Amino acid sequence: TKTWIVKAKKRGLINEIDFSAFKEDINYIGKMLNSYIKSISNNQANFKNEVNEPIAEYGSEENNIFES
């Protein structure tokens, strides 16, 4: 995005005021995204790949509808 904003400024598609505003917004959003990504990765590190429920038994041998 930063590249396209710079190109638009160089080509005269946006003025200096808009360029500065876009640049500030992009920097702010970038910081927010990096913080969000960091928080997600911290949560994933604390996540265990385990189920905290007892193993459930499904069906019964008397009532097995999947027998051929």
N, C-alpha and C. Protein backbone atom coordinates (compact mmCIF):
# COMPACT_ATOMS: atom_id res chain seq x y z
N THR A 1 0.83 -1.19 0.00
CA THR A 1 0.00 0.00 0.00
C THR A 1 0.87 1.25 0.00
N LYS A 2 1.93 1.21 0.79
CA LYS A 2 2.81 2.39 0.84
C LYS A 2 3.38 2.69 -0.54
N THR A 3 3.74 1.65 -1.27
CA THR A 3 4.30 1.84 -2.61
C THR A 3 3.30 2.52 -3.53
N TRP A 4 2.04 2.10 -3.48
CA TRP A 4 1.03 2.68 -4.35
C TRP A 4 0.72 4.13 -3.99
N ILE A 5 0.78 4.46 -2.72
CA ILE A 5 0.55 5.85 -2.30
C ILE A 5 1.69 6.73 -2.82
N VAL A 6 2.92 6.24 -2.71
CA VAL A 6 4.08 7.00 -3.22
C VAL A 6 3.97 7.17 -4.73
N LYS A 7 3.59 6.11 -5.44
CA LYS A 7 3.44 6.20 -6.90
C LYS A 7 2.35 7.21 -7.27
N ALA A 8 1.24 7.18 -6.54
CA ALA A 8 0.15 8.12 -6.83
C ALA A 8 0.61 9.55 -6.62
N LYS A 9 1.40 9.78 -5.59
CA LYS A 9 1.92 11.14 -5.32
C LYS A 9 2.86 11.57 -6.43
N LYS A 10 3.78 10.69 -6.82
CA LYS A 10 4.74 11.01 -7.89
C LYS A 10 4.06 11.28 -9.22
N ARG A 11 2.95 10.59 -9.48
CA ARG A 11 2.22 10.76 -10.74
C ARG A 11 1.23 11.92 -10.70
N GLY A 12 1.14 12.57 -9.54
CA GLY A 12 0.26 13.73 -9.42
C GLY A 12 -1.21 13.35 -9.26
N LEU A 13 -1.46 12.12 -8.85
CA LEU A 13 -2.85 11.67 -8.68
C LEU A 13 -3.44 12.12 -7.34
N ILE A 14 -2.57 12.37 -6.35
CA ILE A 14 -3.01 12.89 -5.06
C ILE A 14 -2.11 14.06 -4.68
N ASN A 15 -2.65 14.97 -3.89
CA ASN A 15 -1.86 16.13 -3.47
C ASN A 15 -1.08 15.82 -2.20
N GLU A 16 -0.26 16.76 -1.77
CA GLU A 16 0.61 16.58 -0.60
C GLU A 16 -0.20 16.35 0.68
N ILE A 17 -1.31 17.05 0.82
CA ILE A 17 -2.14 16.92 2.04
C ILE A 17 -2.71 15.50 2.13
N ASP A 18 -3.28 15.01 1.02
CA ASP A 18 -3.82 13.65 1.01
C ASP A 18 -2.71 12.62 1.21
N PHE A 19 -1.56 12.85 0.57
CA PHE A 19 -0.43 11.94 0.72
C PHE A 19 -0.02 11.82 2.18
N SER A 20 0.10 12.96 2.88
CA SER A 20 0.49 12.95 4.29
C SER A 20 -0.55 12.24 5.15
N ALA A 21 -1.82 12.48 4.86
CA ALA A 21 -2.89 11.84 5.62
C ALA A 21 -2.88 10.32 5.40
N PHE A 22 -2.73 9.89 4.14
CA PHE A 22 -2.67 8.46 3.85
C PHE A 22 -1.46 7.81 4.52
N LYS A 23 -0.33 8.51 4.48
CA LYS A 23 0.90 7.98 5.07
C LYS A 23 0.73 7.78 6.58
N GLU A 24 0.13 8.76 7.25
CA GLU A 24 -0.12 8.63 8.69
C GLU A 24 -1.08 7.48 8.98
N ASP A 25 -2.14 7.38 8.19
CA ASP A 25 -3.12 6.30 8.38
C ASP A 25 -2.47 4.93 8.19
N ILE A 26 -1.66 4.81 7.14
CA ILE A 26 -1.00 3.53 6.85
C ILE A 26 -0.07 3.14 7.99
N ASN A 27 0.69 4.09 8.50
CA ASN A 27 1.60 3.79 9.61
C ASN A 27 0.82 3.37 10.86
N TYR A 28 -0.28 4.05 11.14
CA TYR A 28 -1.10 3.72 12.31
C TYR A 28 -1.72 2.33 12.16
N ILE A 29 -2.28 2.05 10.99
CA ILE A 29 -2.90 0.75 10.75
C ILE A 29 -1.85 -0.36 10.80
N GLY A 30 -0.67 -0.09 10.30
CA GLY A 30 0.41 -1.08 10.35
C GLY A 30 0.77 -1.45 11.78
N LYS A 31 0.84 -0.46 12.66
CA LYS A 31 1.13 -0.72 14.07
C LYS A 31 0.01 -1.54 14.70
N MET A 32 -1.23 -1.20 14.36
CA MET A 32 -2.36 -1.94 14.90
C MET A 32 -2.33 -3.40 14.43
N LEU A 33 -2.06 -3.61 13.15
CA LEU A 33 -2.00 -4.98 12.61
C LEU A 33 -0.88 -5.79 13.25
N ASN A 34 0.27 -5.16 13.43
CA ASN A 34 1.38 -5.87 14.07
C ASN A 34 1.03 -6.25 15.50
N SER A 35 0.36 -5.37 16.22
CA SER A 35 -0.06 -5.69 17.59
C SER A 35 -1.06 -6.82 17.60
N TYR A 36 -1.99 -6.80 16.66
CA TYR A 36 -2.99 -7.86 16.56
C TYR A 36 -2.34 -9.21 16.24
N ILE A 37 -1.43 -9.20 15.29
CA ILE A 37 -0.73 -10.44 14.93
C ILE A 37 0.05 -10.98 16.13
N LYS A 38 0.69 -10.09 16.85
CA LYS A 38 1.44 -10.50 18.03
C LYS A 38 0.51 -11.11 19.08
N SER A 39 -0.66 -10.52 19.29
CA SER A 39 -1.59 -11.05 20.28
C SER A 39 -2.13 -12.42 19.86
N ILE A 40 -2.35 -12.61 18.58
CA ILE A 40 -2.82 -13.91 18.08
C ILE A 40 -1.74 -14.96 18.29
N SER A 41 -0.50 -14.62 17.97
CA SER A 41 0.57 -15.61 18.11
C SER A 41 0.80 -15.94 19.57
N ASN A 42 0.61 -14.99 20.49
CA ASN A 42 0.73 -15.28 21.91
C ASN A 42 -0.38 -16.23 22.36
N ASN A 43 -1.59 -16.03 21.86
CA ASN A 43 -2.70 -16.91 22.21
C ASN A 43 -2.48 -18.31 21.65
N GLN A 44 -1.93 -18.41 20.45
CA GLN A 44 -1.68 -19.71 19.84
C GLN A 44 -0.61 -20.46 20.62
N ALA A 45 0.37 -19.75 21.18
CA ALA A 45 1.42 -20.41 21.95
C ALA A 45 0.85 -21.01 23.23
N ASN A 46 -0.20 -20.41 23.78
CA ASN A 46 -0.82 -20.91 25.00
C ASN A 46 -1.85 -21.99 24.73
N PHE A 47 -2.21 -22.18 23.46
CA PHE A 47 -3.23 -23.14 23.09
C PHE A 47 -2.63 -24.54 23.04
N LYS A 48 -3.26 -25.46 23.73
CA LYS A 48 -2.81 -26.85 23.70
C LYS A 48 -3.66 -27.60 22.69
N ASN A 49 -3.07 -28.47 21.97
CA ASN A 49 -3.78 -29.23 20.96
C ASN A 49 -4.42 -30.46 21.61
N GLU A 50 -5.22 -30.21 22.63
CA GLU A 50 -5.86 -31.30 23.36
C GLU A 50 -7.32 -30.93 23.61
N VAL A 51 -8.14 -31.95 23.72
CA VAL A 51 -9.54 -31.76 24.08
C VAL A 51 -9.67 -32.07 25.56
N ASN A 52 -10.35 -31.20 26.28
CA ASN A 52 -10.50 -31.40 27.72
C ASN A 52 -11.82 -32.08 28.07
N GLU A 53 -12.29 -32.93 27.21
CA GLU A 53 -13.55 -33.65 27.43
C GLU A 53 -13.26 -35.14 27.43
N PRO A 54 -14.08 -35.89 28.16
CA PRO A 54 -13.89 -37.35 28.11
C PRO A 54 -14.26 -37.88 26.73
N ILE A 55 -13.68 -38.99 26.37
CA ILE A 55 -13.98 -39.60 25.07
C ILE A 55 -15.40 -40.15 25.12
N ALA A 56 -16.19 -39.78 24.14
CA ALA A 56 -17.59 -40.22 24.09
C ALA A 56 -17.70 -41.49 23.27
N GLU A 57 -18.59 -42.36 23.71
CA GLU A 57 -18.86 -43.58 22.96
C GLU A 57 -20.12 -43.34 22.14
N TYR A 58 -20.04 -43.63 20.85
CA TYR A 58 -21.16 -43.40 19.96
C TYR A 58 -21.74 -44.74 19.50
N GLY A 59 -23.07 -44.85 19.57
CA GLY A 59 -23.73 -46.05 19.10
C GLY A 59 -23.49 -47.24 20.01
N SER A 60 -23.96 -48.38 19.58
CA SER A 60 -23.73 -49.62 20.32
C SER A 60 -23.63 -50.75 19.32
N GLU A 61 -23.13 -51.87 19.78
CA GLU A 61 -22.99 -53.00 18.89
C GLU A 61 -24.36 -53.55 18.49
N GLU A 62 -25.36 -53.43 19.36
CA GLU A 62 -26.70 -53.92 19.06
C GLU A 62 -27.39 -53.08 17.98
N ASN A 63 -27.03 -51.81 17.95
CA ASN A 63 -27.75 -50.86 17.10
C ASN A 63 -26.82 -50.23 16.06
N ASN A 64 -25.90 -50.99 15.52
CA ASN A 64 -24.93 -50.43 14.61
C ASN A 64 -25.52 -50.33 13.20
N ILE A 65 -25.83 -49.11 12.78
CA ILE A 65 -26.46 -48.90 11.47
C ILE A 65 -25.44 -48.91 10.34
N PHE A 66 -24.14 -48.93 10.70
CA PHE A 66 -23.11 -48.86 9.67
C PHE A 66 -22.59 -50.23 9.27
N GLU A 67 -23.16 -51.28 9.81
CA GLU A 67 -22.72 -52.62 9.43
C GLU A 67 -23.21 -52.94 8.03
N SER A 68 -22.39 -53.67 7.30
CA SER A 68 -22.83 -54.03 5.94
C SER A 68 -23.27 -55.47 5.88
